[in-house]
C-alpha atoms as a PDB file:
ATOM      1  CA  MET A   1     -88.002   3.900 -66.107  1.00  0.00           C
ATOM      2  CA  TYR A   2     -85.219   2.755 -63.813  1.00  0.00           C
ATOM      3  CA  SER A   3     -85.170   2.033 -60.180  1.00  0.00           C
ATOM      4  CA  GLN A   4     -84.454   4.646 -57.623  1.00  0.00           C
ATOM      5  CA  ASN A   5     -81.372   2.750 -56.415  1.00  0.00           C
ATOM      6  CA  GLU A   6     -79.831   2.698 -59.931  1.00  0.00           C
ATOM      7  CA  THR A   7     -80.479   6.469 -60.289  1.00  0.00           C
ATOM      8  CA  ILE A   8     -79.039   7.231 -56.813  1.00  0.00           C
ATOM      9  CA  SER A   9     -75.996   5.138 -57.550  1.00  0.00           C
ATOM     10  CA  ILE A  10     -75.307   7.065 -60.649  1.00  0.00           C
ATOM     11  CA  LEU A  11     -75.822  10.487 -59.039  1.00  0.00           C
ATOM     12  CA  GLN A  12     -73.551   9.470 -56.082  1.00  0.00           C
ATOM     13  CA  ALA A  13     -70.829   8.381 -58.488  1.00  0.00           C
ATOM     14  CA  VAL A  14     -71.011  11.601 -60.562  1.00  0.00           C
ATOM     15  CA  GLU A  15     -71.193  13.857 -57.503  1.00  0.00           C
ATOM     16  CA  LYS A  16     -67.944  12.599 -56.011  1.00  0.00           C
ATOM     17  CA  LEU A  17     -65.957  13.349 -59.217  1.00  0.00           C
ATOM     18  CA  THR A  18     -64.140  16.640 -59.979  1.00  0.00           C
ATOM     19  CA  PHE A  19     -64.524  16.116 -63.733  1.00  0.00           C
ATOM     20  CA  PRO A  20     -67.473  15.248 -66.020  1.00  0.00           C
ATOM     21  CA  ALA A  21     -68.421  11.556 -65.885  1.00  0.00           C
ATOM     22  CA  GLY A  22     -68.522   9.540 -69.090  1.00  0.00           C
ATOM     23  CA  ALA A  23     -70.689   6.523 -69.722  1.00  0.00           C
ATOM     24  CA  SER A  24     -67.534   4.315 -70.041  1.00  0.00           C
ATOM     25  CA  TYR A  25     -66.231   5.389 -66.652  1.00  0.00           C
ATOM     26  CA  LEU A  26     -69.545   4.741 -64.953  1.00  0.00           C
ATOM     27  CA  CYS A  27     -69.941   1.336 -66.517  1.00  0.00           C
ATOM     28  CA  LYS A  28     -66.644   0.175 -64.943  1.00  0.00           C
ATOM     29  CA  GLU A  29     -67.381   2.024 -61.573  1.00  0.00           C
ATOM     30  CA  LEU A  30     -70.926   0.615 -61.210  1.00  0.00           C
ATOM     31  CA  ASN A  31     -70.663  -2.609 -63.191  1.00  0.00           C
ATOM     32  CA  TYR A  32     -73.687  -1.656 -65.276  1.00  0.00           C
ATOM     33  CA  SER A  33     -74.065  -2.394 -69.038  1.00  0.00           C
ATOM     34  CA  GLN A  34     -73.312   0.354 -71.500  1.00  0.00           C
ATOM     35  CA  ALA A  35     -77.013   0.351 -72.666  1.00  0.00           C
ATOM     36  CA  THR A  36     -78.361   0.664 -69.057  1.00  0.00           C
ATOM     37  CA  ILE A  37     -75.908   3.439 -68.159  1.00  0.00           C
ATOM     38  CA  GLY A  38     -76.755   5.271 -71.400  1.00  0.00           C
ATOM     39  CA  ARG A  39     -80.526   5.132 -70.741  1.00  0.00           C
ATOM     40  CA  ILE A  40     -80.277   6.107 -67.148  1.00  0.00           C
ATOM     41  CA  LEU A  41     -78.023   9.087 -67.964  1.00  0.00           C
ATOM     42  CA  LEU A  42     -80.510  10.342 -70.603  1.00  0.00           C
ATOM     43  CA  GLU A  43     -83.300  10.053 -68.152  1.00  0.00           C
ATOM     44  CA  CYS A  44     -81.323  11.873 -65.478  1.00  0.00           C
ATOM     45  CA  GLU A  45     -80.489  14.633 -68.016  1.00  0.00           C
ATOM     46  CA  ARG A  46     -84.213  14.852 -69.088  1.00  0.00           C
ATOM     47  CA  ASP A  47     -85.205  15.246 -65.436  1.00  0.00           C
ATOM     48  CA  GLY A  48     -82.611  17.889 -64.791  1.00  0.00           C
ATOM     49  CA  LEU A  49     -80.543  15.798 -62.425  1.00  0.00           C
ATOM     50  CA  LEU A  50     -77.426  15.772 -64.638  1.00  0.00           C
ATOM     51  CA  GLU A  51     -76.192  18.091 -67.334  1.00  0.00           C
ATOM     52  CA  LYS A  52     -73.960  17.398 -70.236  1.00  0.00           C
ATOM     53  CA  VAL A  53     -70.623  19.128 -70.676  1.00  0.00           C
ATOM     54  CA  SER A  54     -69.989  19.085 -74.454  1.00  0.00           C
ATOM     55  CA  ASN A  55     -68.651  15.611 -75.202  1.00  0.00           C
ATOM     56  CA  LYS A  56     -66.765  15.133 -71.974  1.00  0.00           C
ATOM     57  CA  GLY A  57     -69.543  13.632 -69.959  1.00  0.00           C
ATOM     58  CA  ARG A  58     -72.118  14.800 -67.357  1.00  0.00           C
ATOM     59  CA  THR A  59     -72.005  16.676 -64.057  1.00  0.00           C
ATOM     60  CA  ILE A  60     -74.616  16.736 -61.337  1.00  0.00           C
ATOM     61  CA  THR A  61     -77.004  19.760 -61.117  1.00  0.00           C
ATOM     62  CA  ALA A  62     -78.256  21.576 -58.056  1.00  0.00           C
ATOM     63  CA  LYS A  63     -81.531  19.569 -58.511  1.00  0.00           C
ATOM     64  CA  GLY A  64     -79.552  16.324 -58.556  1.00  0.00           C
ATOM     65  CA  ARG A  65     -77.833  17.303 -55.289  1.00  0.00           C
ATOM     66  CA  GLU A  66     -81.196  18.086 -53.735  1.00  0.00           C
ATOM     67  CA  VAL A  67     -82.476  14.615 -54.746  1.00  0.00           C
ATOM     68  CA  LEU A  68     -79.382  13.071 -53.108  1.00  0.00           C
ATOM     69  CA  LYS A  69     -79.834  15.131 -49.980  1.00  0.00           C
ATOM     70  CA  SER A  70     -83.508  14.110 -49.761  1.00  0.00           C
ATOM     71  CA  TYR A  71     -82.629  10.516 -50.246  1.00  0.00           C
ATOM     72  CA  HIS A  72     -79.967  10.527 -47.461  1.00  0.00           C
ATOM     73  CA  GLU A  73     -82.347  12.288 -45.060  1.00  0.00           C
ATOM     74  CA  LYS A  74     -85.045   9.624 -45.692  1.00  0.00           C
ATOM     75  CA  GLU A  75     -82.511   6.842 -45.158  1.00  0.00           C
ATOM     76  CA  LYS A  76     -81.366   8.487 -41.911  1.00  0.00           C
ATOM     77  CA  LEU A  77     -85.096   8.708 -40.726  1.00  0.00           C
ATOM     78  CA  LEU A  78     -85.735   5.077 -41.628  1.00  0.00           C
ATOM     79  CA  THR A  79     -82.567   3.964 -39.639  1.00  0.00           C
ATOM     80  CA  THR A  80     -83.696   5.899 -36.684  1.00  0.00           C
ATOM     81  CA  ALA A  81     -87.137   4.353 -36.906  1.00  0.00           C
ATOM     82  CA  ASN A  82     -85.773   0.833 -37.168  1.00  0.00           C
ATOM     83  CA  ASN A  83     -83.532   1.455 -34.086  1.00  0.00           C
ATOM     84  CA  LEU A  84     -86.638   2.550 -32.125  1.00  0.00           C
ATOM     85  CA  ILE A  85     -88.569  -0.498 -33.300  1.00  0.00           C
ATOM     86  CA  GLN A  86     -85.874  -2.843 -31.805  1.00  0.00           C
ATOM     87  CA  GLN A  87     -86.644  -1.233 -28.381  1.00  0.00           C
ATOM     88  CA  VAL A  88     -90.481  -1.523 -28.511  1.00  0.00           C
ATOM     89  CA  GLY A  89     -90.714  -5.248 -27.712  1.00  0.00           C
ATOM     90  CA  ASN A  90     -89.336  -4.704 -24.113  1.00  0.00           C
ATOM     91  CA  ALA A  91     -89.887  -1.019 -23.963  1.00  0.00           C
ATOM     92  CA  THR A  92     -88.992   0.753 -20.853  1.00  0.00           C
ATOM     93  CA  LYS A  93     -90.446   4.058 -19.855  1.00  0.00           C
ATOM     94  CA  HIS A  94     -87.361   5.732 -21.225  1.00  0.00           C
ATOM     95  CA  ASP A  95     -87.740   3.975 -24.589  1.00  0.00           C
ATOM     96  CA  LEU A  96     -91.406   5.104 -24.730  1.00  0.00           C
ATOM     97  CA  LEU A  97     -90.482   8.676 -24.018  1.00  0.00           C
ATOM     98  CA  GLU A  98     -87.798   8.575 -26.790  1.00  0.00           C
ATOM     99  CA  ILE A  99     -90.427   7.397 -29.168  1.00  0.00           C
ATOM    100  CA  LEU A 100     -92.710  10.156 -28.156  1.00  0.00           C
ATOM    101  CA  GLU A 101     -90.016  12.725 -28.845  1.00  0.00           C
ATOM    102  CA  VAL A 102     -89.817  11.329 -32.443  1.00  0.00           C
ATOM    103  CA  ARG A 103     -93.574  11.328 -32.776  1.00  0.00           C
ATOM    104  CA  LYS A 104     -93.629  15.032 -31.755  1.00  0.00           C
ATOM    105  CA  LEU A 105     -91.297  15.914 -34.580  1.00  0.00           C
ATOM    106  CA  LEU A 106     -93.120  13.828 -37.181  1.00  0.00           C
ATOM    107  CA  GLU A 107     -96.812  14.113 -36.223  1.00  0.00           C
ATOM    108  CA  VAL A 108     -96.933  17.869 -35.797  1.00  0.00           C
ATOM    109  CA  LYS A 109     -95.704  18.014 -39.362  1.00  0.00           C
ATOM    110  CA  THR A 110     -98.295  15.472 -40.589  1.00  0.00           C
ATOM    111  CA  CYS A 111    -101.099  17.550 -39.060  1.00  0.00           C
ATOM    112  CA  GLU A 112     -99.797  20.725 -40.700  1.00  0.00           C
ATOM    113  CA  GLU A 113     -99.361  19.124 -44.036  1.00  0.00           C
ATOM    114  CA  ALA A 114    -102.792  17.345 -43.851  1.00  0.00           C
ATOM    115  CA  CYS A 115    -104.394  20.721 -43.593  1.00  0.00           C
ATOM    116  CA  LYS A 116    -102.775  21.716 -47.008  1.00  0.00           C
ATOM    117  CA  HIS A 117    -103.227  18.497 -48.940  1.00  0.00           C
ATOM    118  CA  ALA A 118    -106.195  16.613 -47.722  1.00  0.00           C
ATOM    119  CA  THR A 119    -109.226  16.582 -49.901  1.00  0.00           C
ATOM    120  CA  ASP A 120    -112.712  17.205 -48.572  1.00  0.00           C
ATOM    121  CA  GLU A 121    -113.495  13.532 -49.068  1.00  0.00           C
ATOM    122  CA  GLU A 122    -110.384  12.444 -47.182  1.00  0.00           C
ATOM    123  CA  ILE A 123    -111.268  14.727 -44.275  1.00  0.00           C
ATOM    124  CA  SER A 124    -114.657  13.109 -44.211  1.00  0.00           C
ATOM    125  CA  GLU A 125    -112.970   9.767 -43.943  1.00  0.00           C
ATOM    126  CA  LEU A 126    -110.859  11.083 -41.032  1.00  0.00           C
ATOM    127  CA  LYS A 127    -114.015  12.258 -39.325  1.00  0.00           C
ATOM    128  CA  GLY A 128    -115.498   8.739 -39.675  1.00  0.00           C
ATOM    129  CA  ILE A 129    -112.505   7.284 -37.960  1.00  0.00           C
ATOM    130  CA  LEU A 130    -112.839   9.775 -35.156  1.00  0.00           C
ATOM    131  CA  PHE A 131    -116.509   8.833 -34.824  1.00  0.00           C
ATOM    132  CA  ASP A 132    -115.545   5.169 -34.560  1.00  0.00           C
ATOM    133  CA  TYR A 133    -112.941   6.015 -31.876  1.00  0.00           C
ATOM    134  CA  LEU A 134    -115.439   8.153 -29.901  1.00  0.00           C
ATOM    135  CA  ARG A 135    -118.086   5.416 -30.022  1.00  0.00           C
ATOM    136  CA  ALA A 136    -115.587   2.856 -28.780  1.00  0.00           C
ATOM    137  CA  ARG A 137    -114.681   5.139 -25.791  1.00  0.00           C
ATOM    138  CA  ILE A 138    -118.327   5.697 -24.859  1.00  0.00           C
ATOM    139  CA  ASN A 139    -118.555   1.804 -24.865  1.00  0.00           C
ATOM    140  CA  ASN A 140    -115.790   1.662 -22.342  1.00  0.00           C
ATOM    141  CA  ASP A 141    -113.445   0.172 -24.957  1.00  0.00           C
ATOM    142  CA  LEU A 142    -109.790   1.103 -25.048  1.00  0.00           C
ATOM    143  CA  GLY A 143    -110.181   2.326 -28.636  1.00  0.00           C
ATOM    144  CA  ASN A 144    -106.560   1.591 -29.469  1.00  0.00           C
ATOM    145  CA  GLU A 145    -107.236   0.255 -32.939  1.00  0.00           C
ATOM    146  CA  GLN A 146    -109.322   3.304 -33.899  1.00  0.00           C
ATOM    147  CA  ASP A 147    -106.745   5.558 -32.276  1.00  0.00           C
ATOM    148  CA  LEU A 148    -104.023   4.025 -34.358  1.00  0.00           C
ATOM    149  CA  LYS A 149    -106.051   4.358 -37.525  1.00  0.00           C
ATOM    150  CA  LEU A 150    -106.582   8.008 -36.780  1.00  0.00           C
ATOM    151  CA  HIS A 151    -102.993   8.846 -36.353  1.00  0.00           C
ATOM    152  CA  LEU A 152    -101.910   6.869 -39.497  1.00  0.00           C
ATOM    153  CA  LYS A 153    -104.811   8.445 -41.551  1.00  0.00           C
ATOM    154  CA  ILE A 154    -103.453  11.949 -40.634  1.00  0.00           C
ATOM    155  CA  ALA A 155    -100.031  10.814 -41.746  1.00  0.00           C
ATOM    156  CA  GLU A 156    -101.525   9.481 -44.994  1.00  0.00           C
ATOM    157  CA  LEU A 157    -103.270  12.736 -45.658  1.00  0.00           C
ATOM    158  CA  SER A 158    -100.034  14.609 -45.220  1.00  0.00           C
ATOM    159  CA  LYS A 159     -99.032  12.957 -48.534  1.00  0.00           C
ATOM    160  CA  ASN A 160     -95.563  12.345 -47.014  1.00  0.00           C
ATOM    161  CA  THR A 161     -94.968   8.625 -47.600  1.00  0.00           C
ATOM    162  CA  THR A 162     -91.680   8.590 -45.800  1.00  0.00           C
ATOM    163  CA  ILE A 163     -93.288   9.795 -42.489  1.00  0.00           C
ATOM    164  CA  LEU A 164     -96.262   7.477 -42.917  1.00  0.00           C
ATOM    165  CA  HIS A 165     -93.874   4.560 -43.418  1.00  0.00           C
ATOM    166  CA  ILE A 166     -91.833   5.471 -40.325  1.00  0.00           C
ATOM    167  CA  LEU A 167     -94.981   6.054 -38.121  1.00  0.00           C
ATOM    168  CA  THR A 168     -96.508   2.765 -39.235  1.00  0.00           C
ATOM    169  CA  LEU A 169     -93.256   0.865 -38.331  1.00  0.00           C
ATOM    170  CA  ILE A 170     -93.080   2.585 -34.927  1.00  0.00           C
ATOM    171  CA  LEU A 171     -96.679   2.402 -33.893  1.00  0.00           C
ATOM    172  CA  THR A 172     -97.552  -1.148 -35.165  1.00  0.00           C
ATOM    173  CA  SER A 173     -94.415  -3.018 -34.077  1.00  0.00           C
ATOM    174  CA  ASP A 174     -95.296  -5.500 -31.335  1.00  0.00           C
ATOM    175  CA  ASN A 175     -98.608  -3.574 -30.979  1.00  0.00           C
ATOM    176  CA  SER A 176     -96.738  -0.934 -29.176  1.00  0.00           C
ATOM    177  CA  TYR A 177     -99.581   1.592 -29.725  1.00  0.00           C
ATOM    178  CA  THR A 178    -101.740  -0.278 -27.240  1.00  0.00           C
ATOM    179  CA  THR A 179     -99.246   0.766 -24.549  1.00  0.00           C
ATOM    180  CA  PHE A 180     -99.848   4.417 -25.430  1.00  0.00           C
ATOM    181  CA  ALA A 181    -103.614   3.839 -25.451  1.00  0.00           C
ATOM    182  CA  LEU A 182    -103.546   2.187 -21.990  1.00  0.00           C
ATOM    183  CA  VAL A 183    -101.669   5.119 -20.516  1.00  0.00           C
ATOM    184  CA  SER A 184    -103.860   7.735 -22.079  1.00  0.00           C
ATOM    185  CA  SER A 185    -107.013   5.914 -20.899  1.00  0.00           C
ATOM    186  CA  SER A 186    -105.779   5.843 -17.341  1.00  0.00           C
ATOM    187  CA  MET A 187    -105.264   9.559 -17.080  1.00  0.00           C
ATOM    188  CA  ASP A 188    -107.622  12.059 -15.602  1.00  0.00           C
ATOM    189  CA  VAL A 189    -108.050  13.916 -18.825  1.00  0.00           C
ATOM    190  CA  ASP A 190    -110.261  12.569 -21.585  1.00  0.00           C
ATOM    191  CA  PRO A 191    -108.016  11.591 -24.565  1.00  0.00           C
ATOM    192  CA  ALA A 192    -111.079  11.729 -26.876  1.00  0.00           C
ATOM    193  CA  GLU A 193    -110.968  15.607 -26.596  1.00  0.00           C
ATOM    194  CA  TRP A 194    -107.443  15.511 -27.866  1.00  0.00           C
ATOM    195  CA  HIS A 195    -108.401  13.831 -31.071  1.00  0.00           C
ATOM    196  CA  SER A 196    -111.525  15.868 -31.571  1.00  0.00           C
ATOM    197  CA  ASP A 197    -109.435  19.026 -31.437  1.00  0.00           C
ATOM    198  CA  ILE A 198    -106.976  17.756 -33.886  1.00  0.00           C
ATOM    199  CA  VAL A 199    -109.552  16.652 -36.365  1.00  0.00           C
ATOM    200  CA  ALA A 200    -111.558  19.966 -36.033  1.00  0.00           C
ATOM    201  CA  ALA A 201    -108.391  21.955 -36.758  1.00  0.00           C
ATOM    202  CA  ILE A 202    -107.596  19.850 -39.814  1.00  0.00           C
ATOM    203  CA  GLU A 203    -111.204  20.302 -41.050  1.00  0.00           C
ATOM    204  CA  LYS A 204    -110.756  24.079 -40.636  1.00  0.00           C
ATOM    205  CA  ARG A 205    -107.466  23.690 -42.606  1.00  0.00           C
ATOM    206  CA  ASN A 206    -105.606  25.569 -39.935  1.00  0.00           C
ATOM    207  CA  PRO A 207    -102.005  24.222 -39.881  1.00  0.00           C
ATOM    208  CA  GLU A 208    -100.865  26.096 -36.810  1.00  0.00           C
ATOM    209  CA  GLU A 209    -103.816  24.991 -34.666  1.00  0.00           C
ATOM    210  CA  ALA A 210    -103.674  21.394 -35.950  1.00  0.00           C
ATOM    211  CA  GLY A 211    -100.013  21.265 -35.194  1.00  0.00           C
ATOM    212  CA  GLU A 212    -100.410  22.788 -31.743  1.00  0.00           C
ATOM    213  CA  SER A 213    -103.294  20.410 -30.981  1.00  0.00           C
ATOM    214  CA  MET A 214    -101.127  17.353 -31.888  1.00  0.00           C
ATOM    215  CA  TYR A 215     -98.188  18.619 -29.827  1.00  0.00           C
ATOM    216  CA  ARG A 216    -100.398  19.203 -26.869  1.00  0.00           C
ATOM    217  CA  HIS A 217    -101.840  15.748 -27.151  1.00  0.00           C
ATOM    218  CA  LEU A 218     -98.339  14.175 -27.287  1.00  0.00           C
ATOM    219  CA  VAL A 219     -97.072  16.305 -24.372  1.00  0.00           C
ATOM    220  CA  LEU A 220     -99.973  15.174 -22.151  1.00  0.00           C
ATOM    221  CA  LEU A 221     -99.283  11.585 -23.185  1.00  0.00           C
ATOM    222  CA  GLU A 222     -95.709  12.094 -22.296  1.00  0.00           C
ATOM    223  CA  GLU A 223     -96.725  13.291 -18.825  1.00  0.00           C
ATOM    224  CA  GLY A 224     -98.904  10.231 -18.427  1.00  0.00           C
ATOM    225  CA  ILE A 225     -95.909   8.003 -19.340  1.00  0.00           C
ATOM    226  CA  LYS A 226     -93.712   9.885 -16.849  1.00  0.00           C
ATOM    227  CA  GLY A 227     -96.359   9.527 -14.127  1.00  0.00           C
ATOM    228  CA  ALA A 228     -97.121   5.814 -14.683  1.00  0.00           C
ATOM    229  CA  LYS A 229     -95.857   3.525 -11.963  1.00  0.00           C
ATOM    230  CA  GLU A 230     -95.732   0.470 -14.319  1.00  0.00           C
ATOM    231  CA  ILE A 231     -95.250   0.297 -18.082  1.00  0.00           C
END
């Protein structure tokens, strides 16, 4: 089994050609050994990413192009996340609002996907984290650590490792999530209700309701950021 980078390099090299790519050409283009190229080509062919054209070489398949498209989209998301992370250390109100816009896109999806993919055991774990959060709030604790665990657990249950990675980077960098927790705890509405509604919808496995609950939560947090005198 070869690394994703090696496979992607070969798919990219083959895709840009207007003729079938042979092993010798790819060896020179990528500076890989003949044995390595041969084995990766066979693996890609087996997985349906490349197809052989008689004895002329291989061309990329529709599935191969989809793999490349997915790879490039993930890379773009990670670049966006890293750019946001650079802002968090001295985040302004504008920076936090931009981060919330990204969170809306990602976390509505994680809620919807968690409804489809989470096991009953995993949902029980999520409810346990919610219980810890509610207990912290009752004890007049900020509950920021439990709040963070809740959001990341939902991302984990979505089974989308790319989104989980991005959210982890955004929310844990320089303890940025504490800022969001401070703002939400200072608002007139009770943030505990937001989380309870989200978890209840996931437990019911209702993607639409779960996504709407998360979106509503983030919009209310956005209003709190806008209304805050100091961040």
